[in-house]
């Protein structure tokens, strides 16, 4: 796999959210939950994490966007 040319700064929000998920999984709060509840939370947060990753990617590519004719 090639090295990425995308600045990692665009993904800081996703990384931070990932760390929140990992911290939550390691917390005492999770110990009292049923597996189904943990899975449901991970599913919802996993989708949010993917959304944030996609947004980071889109933000990183925003300078490459070509807009319609700007001449008036």
N, C-alpha and C. Protein backbone atom coordinates (compact mmCIF):
# COMPACT_ATOMS: atom_id res chain seq x y z
N UNK A 1 0.83 -1.17 0.00
CA UNK A 1 0.00 0.00 0.00
C UNK A 1 0.88 1.24 0.00
N UNK A 2 0.52 2.24 -0.83
CA UNK A 2 1.31 3.45 -0.93
C UNK A 2 1.14 4.34 0.30
N UNK A 3 2.14 5.12 0.56
CA UNK A 3 2.04 6.09 1.66
C UNK A 3 1.03 7.16 1.28
N UNK A 4 0.30 7.59 2.25
CA UNK A 4 -0.75 8.58 2.02
C UNK A 4 -0.15 9.97 1.84
N UNK A 5 -0.73 10.73 0.91
CA UNK A 5 -0.32 12.11 0.72
C UNK A 5 -1.30 13.05 1.42
N UNK A 6 -2.34 12.51 2.05
CA UNK A 6 -3.34 13.31 2.73
C UNK A 6 -2.83 13.65 4.13
N UNK A 7 -2.90 14.92 4.47
CA UNK A 7 -2.48 15.36 5.80
C UNK A 7 -3.35 14.68 6.86
N UNK A 8 -2.71 14.17 7.88
CA UNK A 8 -3.46 13.48 8.94
C UNK A 8 -4.33 14.43 9.74
N UNK A 9 -4.09 15.73 9.63
CA UNK A 9 -4.88 16.71 10.36
C UNK A 9 -6.35 16.66 10.00
N UNK A 10 -6.65 16.24 8.78
CA UNK A 10 -8.03 16.16 8.35
C UNK A 10 -8.80 15.07 9.09
N UNK A 11 -8.08 14.13 9.68
CA UNK A 11 -8.70 13.00 10.33
C UNK A 11 -8.66 13.07 11.85
N UNK A 12 -8.26 14.21 12.39
CA UNK A 12 -8.15 14.34 13.85
C UNK A 12 -9.49 14.12 14.55
N UNK A 13 -10.58 14.62 13.97
CA UNK A 13 -11.89 14.45 14.59
C UNK A 13 -12.25 12.97 14.65
N UNK A 14 -11.95 12.23 13.58
CA UNK A 14 -12.23 10.80 13.56
C UNK A 14 -11.34 10.06 14.56
N UNK A 15 -10.09 10.42 14.63
CA UNK A 15 -9.17 9.77 15.58
C UNK A 15 -9.60 10.00 17.02
N UNK A 16 -10.00 11.22 17.29
CA UNK A 16 -10.46 11.55 18.63
C UNK A 16 -11.70 10.73 18.99
N UNK A 17 -12.62 10.63 18.04
CA UNK A 17 -13.84 9.85 18.28
C UNK A 17 -13.51 8.37 18.47
N UNK A 18 -12.57 7.85 17.69
CA UNK A 18 -12.13 6.46 17.86
C UNK A 18 -11.60 6.24 19.27
N UNK A 19 -10.80 7.17 19.75
CA UNK A 19 -10.25 7.06 21.11
C UNK A 19 -11.37 7.10 22.16
N UNK A 20 -12.41 7.89 21.91
CA UNK A 20 -13.55 7.91 22.82
C UNK A 20 -14.22 6.53 22.88
N UNK A 21 -14.35 5.89 21.74
CA UNK A 21 -14.96 4.56 21.67
C UNK A 21 -14.11 3.56 22.46
N UNK A 22 -12.80 3.60 22.24
CA UNK A 22 -11.89 2.68 22.93
C UNK A 22 -11.94 2.93 24.44
N UNK A 23 -11.96 4.20 24.84
CA UNK A 23 -12.03 4.53 26.26
C UNK A 23 -13.33 4.01 26.85
N UNK A 24 -14.43 4.19 26.14
CA UNK A 24 -15.73 3.70 26.61
C UNK A 24 -15.70 2.18 26.78
N UNK A 25 -15.10 1.48 25.83
CA UNK A 25 -15.02 0.02 25.92
C UNK A 25 -14.21 -0.43 27.13
N UNK A 26 -13.24 0.36 27.53
CA UNK A 26 -12.40 0.02 28.67
C UNK A 26 -12.95 0.50 30.00
N UNK A 27 -14.09 1.17 29.97
CA UNK A 27 -14.64 1.74 31.20
C UNK A 27 -15.47 0.73 31.98
N UNK A 28 -15.69 1.05 33.24
CA UNK A 28 -16.50 0.20 34.11
C UNK A 28 -17.96 0.18 33.68
N UNK A 29 -18.39 1.23 33.00
CA UNK A 29 -19.79 1.33 32.56
C UNK A 29 -20.15 0.14 31.66
N UNK A 30 -19.23 -0.26 30.82
CA UNK A 30 -19.50 -1.33 29.86
C UNK A 30 -19.64 -2.68 30.55
N UNK A 31 -18.98 -2.85 31.67
CA UNK A 31 -19.01 -4.13 32.38
C UNK A 31 -20.43 -4.57 32.76
N UNK A 32 -21.30 -3.63 33.00
CA UNK A 32 -22.65 -3.95 33.41
C UNK A 32 -23.64 -4.09 32.26
N UNK A 33 -23.18 -3.89 31.05
CA UNK A 33 -24.08 -3.94 29.90
C UNK A 33 -24.17 -5.34 29.30
N UNK A 34 -25.30 -5.61 28.71
CA UNK A 34 -25.46 -6.86 27.96
C UNK A 34 -24.69 -6.74 26.65
N UNK A 35 -24.31 -7.88 26.10
CA UNK A 35 -23.58 -7.87 24.83
C UNK A 35 -24.36 -7.13 23.74
N UNK A 36 -25.66 -7.30 23.74
CA UNK A 36 -26.50 -6.66 22.73
C UNK A 36 -26.41 -5.13 22.82
N UNK A 37 -26.36 -4.62 24.04
CA UNK A 37 -26.25 -3.18 24.24
C UNK A 37 -24.90 -2.65 23.77
N UNK A 38 -23.85 -3.40 24.06
CA UNK A 38 -22.51 -3.01 23.62
C UNK A 38 -22.44 -3.02 22.10
N UNK A 39 -22.97 -4.07 21.50
CA UNK A 39 -22.96 -4.19 20.05
C UNK A 39 -23.74 -3.06 19.39
N UNK A 40 -24.89 -2.72 19.94
CA UNK A 40 -25.71 -1.64 19.40
C UNK A 40 -24.96 -0.32 19.46
N UNK A 41 -24.32 -0.05 20.59
CA UNK A 41 -23.55 1.18 20.75
C UNK A 41 -22.39 1.22 19.76
N UNK A 42 -21.68 0.10 19.60
CA UNK A 42 -20.57 0.05 18.66
C UNK A 42 -21.03 0.23 17.23
N UNK A 43 -22.18 -0.31 16.90
CA UNK A 43 -22.72 -0.16 15.55
C UNK A 43 -23.01 1.32 15.27
N UNK A 44 -23.69 1.97 16.20
CA UNK A 44 -24.02 3.39 16.01
C UNK A 44 -22.76 4.25 15.96
N UNK A 45 -21.87 4.05 16.90
CA UNK A 45 -20.64 4.83 16.93
C UNK A 45 -19.71 4.48 15.78
N UNK A 46 -19.75 3.24 15.35
CA UNK A 46 -18.94 2.84 14.20
C UNK A 46 -19.38 3.56 12.94
N UNK A 47 -20.68 3.69 12.76
CA UNK A 47 -21.19 4.44 11.61
C UNK A 47 -20.80 5.91 11.69
N UNK A 48 -20.86 6.47 12.89
CA UNK A 48 -20.45 7.86 13.07
C UNK A 48 -18.96 8.02 12.80
N UNK A 49 -18.17 7.06 13.22
CA UNK A 49 -16.73 7.10 12.95
C UNK A 49 -16.47 7.07 11.45
N UNK A 50 -17.16 6.19 10.73
CA UNK A 50 -17.00 6.13 9.28
C UNK A 50 -17.41 7.44 8.62
N UNK A 51 -18.47 8.07 9.13
CA UNK A 51 -18.92 9.35 8.59
C UNK A 51 -17.84 10.41 8.78
N UNK A 52 -17.22 10.41 9.95
CA UNK A 52 -16.16 11.39 10.23
C UNK A 52 -14.92 11.14 9.39
N UNK A 53 -14.61 9.87 9.14
CA UNK A 53 -13.49 9.55 8.25
C UNK A 53 -13.77 10.04 6.83
N UNK A 54 -14.98 9.80 6.35
CA UNK A 54 -15.34 10.26 5.01
C UNK A 54 -15.28 11.79 4.95
N UNK A 55 -15.78 12.47 5.98
CA UNK A 55 -15.74 13.93 5.99
C UNK A 55 -14.30 14.42 5.97
N UNK A 56 -13.42 13.77 6.72
CA UNK A 56 -12.01 14.13 6.71
C UNK A 56 -11.40 13.98 5.32
N UNK A 57 -11.77 12.90 4.66
CA UNK A 57 -11.27 12.68 3.30
C UNK A 57 -11.80 13.77 2.36
N UNK A 58 -13.11 14.05 2.44
CA UNK A 58 -13.70 15.07 1.58
C UNK A 58 -13.07 16.44 1.85
N UNK A 59 -12.85 16.75 3.12
CA UNK A 59 -12.21 18.01 3.47
C UNK A 59 -10.80 18.09 2.88
N UNK A 60 -10.09 16.98 2.92
CA UNK A 60 -8.72 16.96 2.39
C UNK A 60 -8.68 17.16 0.88
N UNK A 61 -9.74 16.79 0.21
CA UNK A 61 -9.80 16.91 -1.25
C UNK A 61 -10.48 18.18 -1.72
N UNK A 62 -10.95 19.01 -0.81
CA UNK A 62 -11.74 20.19 -1.19
C UNK A 62 -10.95 21.16 -2.07
N UNK A 63 -9.65 21.25 -1.90
CA UNK A 63 -8.85 22.13 -2.75
C UNK A 63 -8.75 21.62 -4.19
N UNK A 64 -9.02 20.32 -4.38
CA UNK A 64 -8.95 19.73 -5.72
C UNK A 64 -10.25 19.89 -6.51
N UNK A 65 -11.31 20.37 -5.83
CA UNK A 65 -12.61 20.45 -6.50
C UNK A 65 -12.58 21.49 -7.62
N UNK A 66 -13.27 21.13 -8.69
CA UNK A 66 -13.42 22.04 -9.81
C UNK A 66 -14.88 22.46 -9.86
N UNK A 67 -15.09 23.77 -9.85
CA UNK A 67 -16.45 24.29 -9.87
C UNK A 67 -16.79 24.76 -11.28
N UNK A 68 -18.06 24.95 -11.51
CA UNK A 68 -18.52 25.41 -12.82
C UNK A 68 -17.89 26.72 -13.23
N UNK A 69 -18.16 27.13 -14.46
CA UNK A 69 -17.61 28.37 -15.01
C UNK A 69 -17.94 29.54 -14.11
N UNK A 70 -16.92 30.23 -13.62
CA UNK A 70 -17.16 31.34 -12.69
C UNK A 70 -17.21 32.68 -13.41
N UNK A 71 -17.09 32.68 -14.74
CA UNK A 71 -17.17 33.92 -15.49
C UNK A 71 -18.62 34.34 -15.63
N UNK A 72 -18.84 35.64 -15.46
CA UNK A 72 -20.21 36.17 -15.58
C UNK A 72 -20.32 37.02 -16.81
